[in-house]
Amino acid sequence: MMIVGLTGSIGMGKSTVAAMFRKAGLPVFDADAEVRRLQGPGGRALHAIEQAFPGTTHEGGLHRDRLGAHVFADAVALRRLESILHPLVAEAQSRFLGAHRLKSAVVLDVPLLFEKGGWRHCHLTVVVSAPLRVQRARVLRRPGMTVAKFEAILRTQMPDREKRRRADVVIETGRGRRETWLAVQRLVRRLR
């Protein structure tokens, strides 16, 4: 089984490309969706998060703003949160790989693939990229997003140029959905 690591900075179109891989018939593990499940109602991470950051959870899951206030600008607190979430995400990813072990290829959609070393477990890395003006416009259209938040998020992510340099494949998303879909289809044909 070929393990494809999919990544890209905020607003680059990674979720769109992941959906295209699904449409093309490849199973996709979405690390962000797993984190949302772990932090959602009845999520496995809630108790440990509440222990580490009192007052950040409730019956319906996580108080995102409260937790964000703890970890947004505090690297030590962020590492503490990651130490809770990352092992649980790794377990879910392992179950996903086991469930799809007979497939020719699978995709691991991981936002911090290079930053956290996940690329080491992949046979091929794919970076989704777009020009900065496109990225910025996409991100600033999101509800509650501000320029300051966008810039803070970018500081936590590896620069796009470095991701592009490290990638085995770069999928450009700034040229329109049709061009992106054609690039995904070409890659899927190579993987089969």
N, C-alpha and C. Protein backbone atom coordinates (compact mmCIF):
# COMPACT_ATOMS: atom_id res chain seq x y z
N MET A 1 0.84 -1.18 0.00
CA MET A 1 0.00 0.00 0.00
C MET A 1 0.89 1.24 0.00
N MET A 2 0.57 2.17 -0.92
CA MET A 2 1.28 3.45 -1.00
C MET A 2 0.61 4.42 -0.04
N ILE A 3 1.39 5.01 0.87
CA ILE A 3 0.85 6.00 1.81
C ILE A 3 1.25 7.38 1.30
N VAL A 4 0.23 8.19 0.99
CA VAL A 4 0.44 9.53 0.47
C VAL A 4 0.15 10.52 1.59
N GLY A 5 1.12 11.34 1.92
CA GLY A 5 0.92 12.39 2.91
C GLY A 5 0.50 13.67 2.20
N LEU A 6 -0.65 14.19 2.59
CA LEU A 6 -1.19 15.41 1.99
C LEU A 6 -1.13 16.54 3.01
N THR A 7 -0.57 17.66 2.61
CA THR A 7 -0.47 18.80 3.52
C THR A 7 -0.52 20.10 2.75
N GLY A 8 -0.60 21.17 3.48
CA GLY A 8 -0.62 22.51 2.91
C GLY A 8 -0.99 23.49 4.00
N SER A 9 -0.52 24.69 3.87
CA SER A 9 -0.81 25.71 4.87
C SER A 9 -2.27 26.13 4.81
N ILE A 10 -2.69 26.88 5.81
CA ILE A 10 -4.07 27.35 5.90
C ILE A 10 -4.47 28.08 4.61
N GLY A 11 -5.67 27.78 4.12
CA GLY A 11 -6.22 28.47 2.97
C GLY A 11 -5.66 28.06 1.63
N MET A 12 -4.89 26.99 1.59
CA MET A 12 -4.29 26.56 0.32
C MET A 12 -5.19 25.63 -0.50
N GLY A 13 -6.25 25.11 0.12
CA GLY A 13 -7.15 24.22 -0.62
C GLY A 13 -6.97 22.75 -0.31
N LYS A 14 -6.34 22.45 0.81
CA LYS A 14 -6.06 21.06 1.17
C LYS A 14 -7.35 20.24 1.33
N SER A 15 -8.36 20.81 1.97
CA SER A 15 -9.62 20.09 2.16
C SER A 15 -10.29 19.80 0.82
N THR A 16 -10.21 20.73 -0.09
CA THR A 16 -10.77 20.53 -1.43
C THR A 16 -10.04 19.40 -2.15
N VAL A 17 -8.72 19.40 -2.06
CA VAL A 17 -7.93 18.35 -2.71
C VAL A 17 -8.19 16.99 -2.04
N ALA A 18 -8.32 16.97 -0.72
CA ALA A 18 -8.64 15.71 -0.03
C ALA A 18 -9.97 15.16 -0.53
N ALA A 19 -10.97 16.04 -0.68
CA ALA A 19 -12.27 15.60 -1.20
C ALA A 19 -12.14 15.06 -2.63
N MET A 20 -11.25 15.65 -3.40
CA MET A 20 -11.02 15.16 -4.76
C MET A 20 -10.38 13.78 -4.75
N PHE A 21 -9.45 13.55 -3.82
CA PHE A 21 -8.87 12.20 -3.71
C PHE A 21 -9.95 11.18 -3.36
N ARG A 22 -10.86 11.56 -2.45
CA ARG A 22 -11.97 10.66 -2.10
C ARG A 22 -12.82 10.37 -3.34
N LYS A 23 -13.15 11.42 -4.07
CA LYS A 23 -13.97 11.28 -5.28
C LYS A 23 -13.30 10.36 -6.29
N ALA A 24 -11.97 10.40 -6.33
CA ALA A 24 -11.20 9.56 -7.24
C ALA A 24 -11.05 8.13 -6.72
N GLY A 25 -11.59 7.86 -5.53
CA GLY A 25 -11.61 6.50 -5.01
C GLY A 25 -10.55 6.14 -3.99
N LEU A 26 -9.77 7.12 -3.53
CA LEU A 26 -8.75 6.81 -2.52
C LEU A 26 -9.29 7.10 -1.12
N PRO A 27 -9.08 6.19 -0.17
CA PRO A 27 -9.46 6.47 1.21
C PRO A 27 -8.60 7.59 1.77
N VAL A 28 -9.22 8.49 2.53
CA VAL A 28 -8.50 9.64 3.09
C VAL A 28 -8.72 9.68 4.60
N PHE A 29 -7.62 9.74 5.35
CA PHE A 29 -7.68 9.95 6.80
C PHE A 29 -7.51 11.44 7.03
N ASP A 30 -8.48 12.07 7.68
CA ASP A 30 -8.47 13.51 7.94
C ASP A 30 -8.10 13.74 9.40
N ALA A 31 -6.86 14.16 9.64
CA ALA A 31 -6.38 14.36 11.01
C ALA A 31 -7.17 15.45 11.73
N ASP A 32 -7.52 16.53 11.03
CA ASP A 32 -8.30 17.60 11.65
C ASP A 32 -9.68 17.10 12.09
N ALA A 33 -10.32 16.30 11.26
CA ALA A 33 -11.64 15.75 11.62
C ALA A 33 -11.52 14.84 12.84
N GLU A 34 -10.43 14.10 12.92
CA GLU A 34 -10.22 13.24 14.09
C GLU A 34 -10.06 14.07 15.35
N VAL A 35 -9.32 15.17 15.26
CA VAL A 35 -9.15 16.07 16.41
C VAL A 35 -10.52 16.62 16.84
N ARG A 36 -11.35 17.00 15.87
CA ARG A 36 -12.69 17.50 16.21
C ARG A 36 -13.52 16.43 16.92
N ARG A 37 -13.41 15.17 16.47
CA ARG A 37 -14.12 14.08 17.16
C ARG A 37 -13.61 13.90 18.59
N LEU A 38 -12.31 13.96 18.76
CA LEU A 38 -11.71 13.77 20.08
C LEU A 38 -12.12 14.88 21.05
N GLN A 39 -12.37 16.07 20.51
CA GLN A 39 -12.73 17.23 21.33
C GLN A 39 -14.23 17.50 21.36
N GLY A 40 -14.99 16.75 20.58
CA GLY A 40 -16.43 16.97 20.50
C GLY A 40 -17.17 16.29 21.63
N PRO A 41 -18.50 16.31 21.58
CA PRO A 41 -19.32 15.69 22.63
C PRO A 41 -18.90 14.23 22.86
N GLY A 42 -18.57 13.91 24.09
CA GLY A 42 -18.16 12.55 24.44
C GLY A 42 -16.77 12.18 23.95
N GLY A 43 -16.01 13.14 23.46
CA GLY A 43 -14.70 12.87 22.88
C GLY A 43 -13.70 12.33 23.90
N ARG A 44 -12.84 11.45 23.43
CA ARG A 44 -11.86 10.78 24.30
C ARG A 44 -10.84 11.74 24.91
N ALA A 45 -10.63 12.90 24.31
CA ALA A 45 -9.60 13.81 24.81
C ALA A 45 -10.14 14.81 25.84
N LEU A 46 -11.45 14.89 25.97
CA LEU A 46 -12.03 15.96 26.81
C LEU A 46 -11.56 15.92 28.26
N HIS A 47 -11.57 14.75 28.87
CA HIS A 47 -11.19 14.66 30.28
C HIS A 47 -9.75 15.15 30.48
N ALA A 48 -8.84 14.68 29.64
CA ALA A 48 -7.44 15.07 29.78
C ALA A 48 -7.25 16.57 29.50
N ILE A 49 -8.00 17.09 28.54
CA ILE A 49 -7.92 18.53 28.25
C ILE A 49 -8.41 19.33 29.45
N GLU A 50 -9.52 18.90 30.03
CA GLU A 50 -10.06 19.61 31.21
C GLU A 50 -9.07 19.56 32.37
N GLN A 51 -8.42 18.42 32.56
CA GLN A 51 -7.42 18.29 33.62
C GLN A 51 -6.25 19.27 33.40
N ALA A 52 -5.82 19.37 32.16
CA ALA A 52 -4.67 20.23 31.85
C ALA A 52 -5.04 21.70 31.77
N PHE A 53 -6.27 21.98 31.32
CA PHE A 53 -6.73 23.36 31.11
C PHE A 53 -8.13 23.52 31.71
N PRO A 54 -8.23 23.64 33.02
CA PRO A 54 -9.55 23.69 33.70
C PRO A 54 -10.45 24.79 33.11
N GLY A 55 -11.72 24.42 32.94
CA GLY A 55 -12.72 25.36 32.45
C GLY A 55 -12.81 25.46 30.94
N THR A 56 -12.11 24.58 30.23
CA THR A 56 -12.11 24.68 28.76
C THR A 56 -13.05 23.69 28.08
N THR A 57 -13.74 22.86 28.87
CA THR A 57 -14.67 21.90 28.28
C THR A 57 -16.04 22.03 28.93
N HIS A 58 -17.02 21.42 28.27
CA HIS A 58 -18.39 21.37 28.79
C HIS A 58 -19.05 20.11 28.25
N GLU A 59 -20.30 19.88 28.59
CA GLU A 59 -20.98 18.65 28.15
C GLU A 59 -20.99 18.50 26.64
N GLY A 60 -21.05 19.60 25.92
CA GLY A 60 -21.09 19.54 24.46
C GLY A 60 -19.73 19.47 23.81
N GLY A 61 -18.68 19.42 24.59
CA GLY A 61 -17.34 19.31 24.02
C GLY A 61 -16.40 20.38 24.54
N LEU A 62 -15.78 21.07 23.63
CA LEU A 62 -14.71 22.00 23.95
C LEU A 62 -15.20 23.44 23.84
N HIS A 63 -14.75 24.28 24.75
CA HIS A 63 -14.88 25.74 24.62
C HIS A 63 -13.65 26.18 23.82
N ARG A 64 -13.75 26.26 22.51
CA ARG A 64 -12.59 26.54 21.66
C ARG A 64 -11.91 27.87 22.02
N ASP A 65 -12.72 28.89 22.27
CA ASP A 65 -12.13 30.20 22.59
C ASP A 65 -11.34 30.14 23.89
N ARG A 66 -11.89 29.45 24.88
CA ARG A 66 -11.17 29.35 26.17
C ARG A 66 -9.87 28.57 26.02
N LEU A 67 -9.94 27.45 25.31
CA LEU A 67 -8.71 26.67 25.11
C LEU A 67 -7.72 27.48 24.29
N GLY A 68 -8.22 28.17 23.26
CA GLY A 68 -7.35 29.00 22.43
C GLY A 68 -6.63 30.06 23.24
N ALA A 69 -7.31 30.62 24.23
CA ALA A 69 -6.70 31.63 25.09
C ALA A 69 -5.52 31.05 25.86
N HIS A 70 -5.59 29.75 26.19
CA HIS A 70 -4.50 29.10 26.92
C HIS A 70 -3.30 28.82 26.01
N VAL A 71 -3.57 28.37 24.78
CA VAL A 71 -2.48 27.84 23.95
C VAL A 71 -2.05 28.74 22.80
N PHE A 72 -2.83 29.79 22.50
CA PHE A 72 -2.59 30.61 21.31
C PHE A 72 -1.17 31.16 21.26
N ALA A 73 -0.68 31.72 22.32
CA ALA A 73 0.66 32.33 22.31
C ALA A 73 1.59 31.69 23.33
N ASP A 74 1.28 30.49 23.78
CA ASP A 74 2.06 29.83 24.82
C ASP A 74 2.55 28.48 24.28
N ALA A 75 3.81 28.43 23.88
CA ALA A 75 4.36 27.23 23.26
C ALA A 75 4.34 26.03 24.22
N VAL A 76 4.56 26.25 25.50
CA VAL A 76 4.54 25.16 26.47
C VAL A 76 3.13 24.58 26.59
N ALA A 77 2.14 25.45 26.67
CA ALA A 77 0.75 24.99 26.76
C ALA A 77 0.35 24.26 25.48
N LEU A 78 0.78 24.77 24.33
CA LEU A 78 0.46 24.10 23.07
C LEU A 78 1.06 22.70 23.03
N ARG A 79 2.30 22.56 23.49
CA ARG A 79 2.93 21.22 23.53
C ARG A 79 2.18 20.29 24.47
N ARG A 80 1.66 20.83 25.58
CA ARG A 80 0.87 20.02 26.51
C ARG A 80 -0.40 19.52 25.82
N LEU A 81 -1.08 20.40 25.10
CA LEU A 81 -2.28 20.00 24.36
C LEU A 81 -1.94 18.96 23.30
N GLU A 82 -0.86 19.19 22.57
CA GLU A 82 -0.44 18.23 21.55
C GLU A 82 -0.10 16.87 22.15
N SER A 83 0.47 16.87 23.36
CA SER A 83 0.81 15.59 24.00
C SER A 83 -0.45 14.80 24.37
N ILE A 84 -1.57 15.48 24.49
CA ILE A 84 -2.86 14.81 24.73
C ILE A 84 -3.43 14.31 23.41
N LEU A 85 -3.43 15.16 22.40
CA LEU A 85 -4.12 14.86 21.15
C LEU A 85 -3.34 13.94 20.21
N HIS A 86 -2.04 14.17 20.05
CA HIS A 86 -1.28 13.44 19.04
C HIS A 86 -1.29 11.93 19.21
N PRO A 87 -1.13 11.39 20.42
CA PRO A 87 -1.19 9.93 20.54
C PRO A 87 -2.57 9.36 20.16
N LEU A 88 -3.63 10.08 20.47
CA LEU A 88 -4.97 9.62 20.13
C LEU A 88 -5.21 9.68 18.62
N VAL A 89 -4.70 10.72 17.98
CA VAL A 89 -4.80 10.81 16.52
C VAL A 89 -3.98 9.71 15.88
N ALA A 90 -2.81 9.43 16.41
CA ALA A 90 -1.96 8.35 15.88
C ALA A 90 -2.66 7.00 15.98
N GLU A 91 -3.36 6.76 17.08
CA GLU A 91 -4.13 5.51 17.21
C GLU A 91 -5.19 5.41 16.12
N ALA A 92 -5.92 6.48 15.90
CA ALA A 92 -6.98 6.48 14.88
C ALA A 92 -6.37 6.29 13.49
N GLN A 93 -5.24 6.93 13.25
CA GLN A 93 -4.57 6.78 11.96
C GLN A 93 -4.12 5.33 11.75
N SER A 94 -3.62 4.72 12.79
CA SER A 94 -3.20 3.31 12.70
C SER A 94 -4.38 2.40 12.39
N ARG A 95 -5.52 2.67 13.03
CA ARG A 95 -6.74 1.88 12.73
C ARG A 95 -7.16 2.07 11.27
N PHE A 96 -7.08 3.31 10.78
CA PHE A 96 -7.42 3.62 9.39
C PHE A 96 -6.51 2.82 8.44
N LEU A 97 -5.21 2.85 8.69
CA LEU A 97 -4.27 2.14 7.82
C LEU A 97 -4.55 0.63 7.84
N GLY A 98 -4.84 0.11 9.02
CA GLY A 98 -5.17 -1.31 9.11
C GLY A 98 -6.43 -1.67 8.34
N ALA A 99 -7.43 -0.81 8.42
CA ALA A 99 -8.70 -1.07 7.74
C ALA A 99 -8.56 -1.00 6.21
N HIS A 100 -7.55 -0.28 5.74
CA HIS A 100 -7.38 -0.10 4.29
C HIS A 100 -6.10 -0.74 3.76
N ARG A 101 -5.56 -1.70 4.49
CA ARG A 101 -4.25 -2.26 4.15
C ARG A 101 -4.22 -2.94 2.78
N LEU A 102 -5.37 -3.33 2.26
CA LEU A 102 -5.39 -4.00 0.95
C LEU A 102 -5.58 -3.04 -0.21
N LYS A 103 -5.70 -1.76 0.07
CA LYS A 103 -5.84 -0.75 -0.99
C LYS A 103 -4.49 -0.48 -1.63
N SER A 104 -4.50 -0.05 -2.87
CA SER A 104 -3.24 0.26 -3.54
C SER A 104 -2.62 1.54 -2.98
N ALA A 105 -3.48 2.49 -2.55
CA ALA A 105 -2.97 3.74 -2.01
C ALA A 105 -4.01 4.35 -1.07
N VAL A 106 -3.51 5.07 -0.06
CA VAL A 106 -4.36 5.82 0.86
C VAL A 106 -3.73 7.20 1.05
N VAL A 107 -4.55 8.13 1.52
CA VAL A 107 -4.08 9.49 1.74
C VAL A 107 -4.22 9.85 3.21
N LEU A 108 -3.15 10.39 3.78
CA LEU A 108 -3.18 10.92 5.13
C LEU A 108 -3.17 12.44 5.03
N ASP A 109 -4.31 13.05 5.33
CA ASP A 109 -4.48 14.50 5.28
C ASP A 109 -4.06 15.05 6.64
N VAL A 110 -2.84 15.60 6.70
CA VAL A 110 -2.25 16.03 7.96
C VAL A 110 -1.71 17.46 7.80
N PRO A 111 -2.34 18.45 8.45
CA PRO A 111 -1.91 19.84 8.27
C PRO A 111 -0.44 20.08 8.61
N LEU A 112 0.07 19.47 9.65
CA LEU A 112 1.46 19.71 10.08
C LEU A 112 2.35 18.51 9.75
N LEU A 113 2.17 17.96 8.56
CA LEU A 113 2.89 16.75 8.14
C LEU A 113 4.40 16.92 8.25
N PHE A 114 4.93 18.02 7.76
CA PHE A 114 6.38 18.25 7.83
C PHE A 114 6.79 18.75 9.21
N GLU A 115 5.99 19.63 9.80
CA GLU A 115 6.35 20.23 11.08
C GLU A 115 6.46 19.19 12.19
N LYS A 116 5.62 18.16 12.16
CA LYS A 116 5.60 17.15 13.24
C LYS A 116 6.22 15.82 12.83
N GLY A 117 6.82 15.74 11.65
CA GLY A 117 7.56 14.54 11.24
C GLY A 117 6.73 13.43 10.65
N GLY A 118 5.45 13.65 10.40
CA GLY A 118 4.60 12.60 9.84
C GLY A 118 5.02 12.16 8.45
N TRP A 119 5.74 13.00 7.73
CA TRP A 119 6.19 12.67 6.38
C TRP A 119 7.07 11.42 6.37
N ARG A 120 7.70 11.12 7.51
CA ARG A 120 8.60 9.95 7.57
C ARG A 120 7.86 8.63 7.38
N HIS A 121 6.54 8.64 7.60
CA HIS A 121 5.73 7.42 7.48
C HIS A 121 5.04 7.34 6.12
N CYS A 122 5.39 8.23 5.21
CA CYS A 122 4.73 8.30 3.91
C CYS A 122 5.69 7.89 2.79
N HIS A 123 5.12 7.31 1.75
CA HIS A 123 5.91 6.97 0.57
C HIS A 123 6.03 8.15 -0.39
N LEU A 124 5.06 9.05 -0.31
CA LEU A 124 5.00 10.19 -1.21
C LEU A 124 4.36 11.36 -0.46
N THR A 125 4.90 12.57 -0.63
CA THR A 125 4.29 13.73 0.01
C THR A 125 3.76 14.68 -1.05
N VAL A 126 2.55 15.18 -0.78
CA VAL A 126 1.87 16.10 -1.69
C VAL A 126 1.57 17.38 -0.93
N VAL A 127 2.02 18.50 -1.49
CA VAL A 127 1.74 19.81 -0.90
C VAL A 127 0.77 20.54 -1.80
N VAL A 128 -0.28 21.08 -1.18
CA VAL A 128 -1.27 21.89 -1.88
C VAL A 128 -0.85 23.34 -1.67
N SER A 129 -0.80 24.10 -2.76
CA SER A 129 -0.26 25.45 -2.68
C SER A 129 -1.03 26.39 -3.60
N ALA A 130 -1.02 27.66 -3.24
CA ALA A 130 -1.62 28.73 -4.04
C ALA A 130 -0.83 30.00 -3.77
N PRO A 131 -0.96 30.99 -4.66
CA PRO A 131 -0.27 32.26 -4.40
C PRO A 131 -0.77 32.90 -3.10
N LEU A 132 0.09 33.68 -2.46
CA LEU A 132 -0.25 34.30 -1.18
C LEU A 132 -1.53 35.13 -1.26
N ARG A 133 -1.73 35.87 -2.33
CA ARG A 133 -2.94 36.70 -2.45
C ARG A 133 -4.20 35.84 -2.44
N VAL A 134 -4.13 34.67 -3.07
CA VAL A 134 -5.28 33.75 -3.10
C VAL A 134 -5.48 33.16 -1.71
N GLN A 135 -4.40 32.71 -1.09
CA GLN A 135 -4.46 32.15 0.26
C GLN A 135 -5.08 33.16 1.23
N ARG A 136 -4.57 34.36 1.21
CA ARG A 136 -5.03 35.42 2.12
C ARG A 136 -6.53 35.70 1.91
N ALA A 137 -6.96 35.83 0.68
CA ALA A 137 -8.38 36.09 0.39
C ALA A 137 -9.25 34.96 0.90
N ARG A 138 -8.84 33.71 0.68
CA ARG A 138 -9.61 32.56 1.16
C ARG A 138 -9.75 32.58 2.67
N VAL A 139 -8.64 32.78 3.35
CA VAL A 139 -8.63 32.71 4.82
C VAL A 139 -9.45 33.86 5.42
N LEU A 140 -9.30 35.05 4.89
CA LEU A 140 -9.99 36.21 5.48
C LEU A 140 -11.50 36.18 5.23
N ARG A 141 -11.98 35.31 4.34
CA ARG A 141 -13.42 35.12 4.15
C ARG A 141 -14.03 34.23 5.24
N ARG A 142 -13.20 33.54 6.00
CA ARG A 142 -13.70 32.63 7.03
C ARG A 142 -14.33 33.43 8.18
N PRO A 143 -15.43 32.91 8.73
CA PRO A 143 -16.07 33.61 9.86
C PRO A 143 -15.11 33.76 11.04
N GLY A 144 -15.07 34.95 11.60
CA GLY A 144 -14.25 35.20 12.79
C GLY A 144 -12.77 35.36 12.53
N MET A 145 -12.34 35.25 11.28
CA MET A 145 -10.91 35.36 10.97
C MET A 145 -10.53 36.83 10.85
N THR A 146 -9.36 37.13 11.39
CA THR A 146 -8.81 38.49 11.28
C THR A 146 -7.40 38.38 10.69
N VAL A 147 -6.88 39.50 10.27
CA VAL A 147 -5.51 39.52 9.75
C VAL A 147 -4.54 39.05 10.83
N ALA A 148 -4.75 39.50 12.07
CA ALA A 148 -3.85 39.11 13.17
C ALA A 148 -3.89 37.60 13.40
N LYS A 149 -5.09 37.01 13.38
CA LYS A 149 -5.20 35.55 13.56
C LYS A 149 -4.51 34.82 12.41
N PHE A 150 -4.76 35.27 11.21
CA PHE A 150 -4.16 34.66 10.02
C PHE A 150 -2.63 34.69 10.13
N GLU A 151 -2.07 35.84 10.47
CA GLU A 151 -0.62 35.96 10.59
C GLU A 151 -0.07 35.10 11.72
N ALA A 152 -0.82 35.00 12.82
CA ALA A 152 -0.38 34.14 13.94
C ALA A 152 -0.37 32.68 13.52
N ILE A 153 -1.37 32.26 12.77
CA ILE A 153 -1.42 30.87 12.28
C ILE A 153 -0.24 30.61 11.34
N LEU A 154 0.01 31.54 10.45
CA LEU A 154 1.14 31.36 9.52
C LEU A 154 2.46 31.20 10.26
N ARG A 155 2.61 31.90 11.39
CA ARG A 155 3.86 31.78 12.17
C ARG A 155 4.05 30.38 12.75
N THR A 156 2.95 29.65 12.95
CA THR A 156 3.07 28.30 13.52
C THR A 156 3.31 27.25 12.43
N GLN A 157 3.17 27.64 11.18
CA GLN A 157 3.31 26.70 10.08
C GLN A 157 4.61 26.94 9.32
N MET A 158 5.14 25.87 8.79
CA MET A 158 6.31 25.97 7.94
C MET A 158 5.95 26.84 6.73
N PRO A 159 6.83 27.72 6.29
CA PRO A 159 6.53 28.55 5.11
C PRO A 159 6.21 27.70 3.88
N ASP A 160 5.29 28.19 3.08
CA ASP A 160 4.86 27.46 1.88
C ASP A 160 6.04 27.12 0.98
N ARG A 161 6.98 28.03 0.80
CA ARG A 161 8.11 27.76 -0.09
C ARG A 161 8.93 26.57 0.41
N GLU A 162 9.04 26.40 1.74
CA GLU A 162 9.77 25.27 2.29
C GLU A 162 8.99 23.97 2.11
N LYS A 163 7.67 24.03 2.29
CA LYS A 163 6.85 22.84 2.05
C LYS A 163 6.97 22.41 0.60
N ARG A 164 6.90 23.37 -0.31
CA ARG A 164 7.01 23.07 -1.74
C ARG A 164 8.37 22.42 -2.04
N ARG A 165 9.41 22.92 -1.40
CA ARG A 165 10.75 22.38 -1.62
C ARG A 165 10.85 20.92 -1.16
N ARG A 166 10.20 20.61 -0.05
CA ARG A 166 10.27 19.26 0.52
C ARG A 166 9.33 18.27 -0.15
N ALA A 167 8.31 18.75 -0.83
CA ALA A 167 7.28 17.89 -1.40
C ALA A 167 7.79 17.05 -2.56
N ASP A 168 7.22 15.87 -2.69
CA ASP A 168 7.44 15.05 -3.89
C ASP A 168 6.58 15.58 -5.03
N VAL A 169 5.37 16.06 -4.68
CA VAL A 169 4.42 16.57 -5.67
C VAL A 169 3.80 17.85 -5.11
N VAL A 170 3.66 18.87 -5.95
CA VAL A 170 2.95 20.09 -5.58
C VAL A 170 1.70 20.19 -6.45
N ILE A 171 0.55 20.36 -5.80
CA ILE A 171 -0.69 20.58 -6.53
C ILE A 171 -1.07 22.04 -6.35
N GLU A 172 -1.10 22.77 -7.46
CA GLU A 172 -1.45 24.19 -7.46
C GLU A 172 -2.97 24.32 -7.43
N THR A 173 -3.48 25.14 -6.51
CA THR A 173 -4.94 25.32 -6.42
C THR A 173 -5.38 26.73 -6.79
N GLY A 174 -4.45 27.57 -7.18
CA GLY A 174 -4.80 28.94 -7.52
C GLY A 174 -5.25 29.12 -8.96
N ARG A 175 -5.29 28.05 -9.72
CA ARG A 175 -5.64 28.13 -11.14
C ARG A 175 -7.07 27.69 -11.43
N GLY A 176 -7.83 27.44 -10.39
CA GLY A 176 -9.21 27.02 -10.58
C GLY A 176 -9.42 25.55 -10.25
N ARG A 177 -10.66 25.25 -9.93
CA ARG A 177 -11.02 23.90 -9.49
C ARG A 177 -10.77 22.83 -10.57
N ARG A 178 -11.06 23.17 -11.82
CA ARG A 178 -10.89 22.18 -12.90
C ARG A 178 -9.42 21.77 -13.03
N GLU A 179 -8.51 22.74 -13.00
CA GLU A 179 -7.08 22.42 -13.11
C GLU A 179 -6.61 21.59 -11.92
N THR A 180 -7.14 21.91 -10.75
CA THR A 180 -6.78 21.14 -9.54
C THR A 180 -7.26 19.70 -9.69
N TRP A 181 -8.50 19.52 -10.14
CA TRP A 181 -9.07 18.18 -10.32
C TRP A 181 -8.25 17.38 -11.32
N LEU A 182 -7.82 18.01 -12.41
CA LEU A 182 -7.00 17.31 -13.41
C LEU A 182 -5.66 16.87 -12.81
N ALA A 183 -5.08 17.73 -11.97
CA ALA A 183 -3.80 17.37 -11.31
C ALA A 183 -4.00 16.18 -10.37
N VAL A 184 -5.10 16.17 -9.63
CA VAL A 184 -5.39 15.05 -8.73
C VAL A 184 -5.59 13.77 -9.54
N GLN A 185 -6.34 13.85 -10.60
CA GLN A 185 -6.57 12.66 -11.43
C GLN A 185 -5.28 12.10 -12.00
N ARG A 186 -4.39 12.98 -12.47
CA ARG A 186 -3.09 12.52 -12.99
C ARG A 186 -2.31 11.78 -11.91
N LEU A 187 -2.32 12.32 -10.70
CA LEU A 187 -1.57 11.68 -9.62
C LEU A 187 -2.20 10.34 -9.24
N VAL A 188 -3.51 10.28 -9.16
CA VAL A 188 -4.18 9.02 -8.82
C VAL A 188 -3.87 7.95 -9.86
N ARG A 189 -3.83 8.30 -11.12
CA ARG A 189 -3.47 7.33 -12.17
C ARG A 189 -2.05 6.81 -11.93
N ARG A 190 -1.14 7.68 -11.54
CA ARG A 190 0.24 7.25 -11.24
C ARG A 190 0.29 6.28 -10.07
N LEU A 191 -0.58 6.50 -9.07
CA LEU A 191 -0.56 5.69 -7.86
C LEU A 191 -1.15 4.29 -8.07
N ARG A 192 -1.93 4.13 -9.10
CA ARG A 192 -2.60 2.83 -9.31
C ARG A 192 -1.80 1.93 -10.15
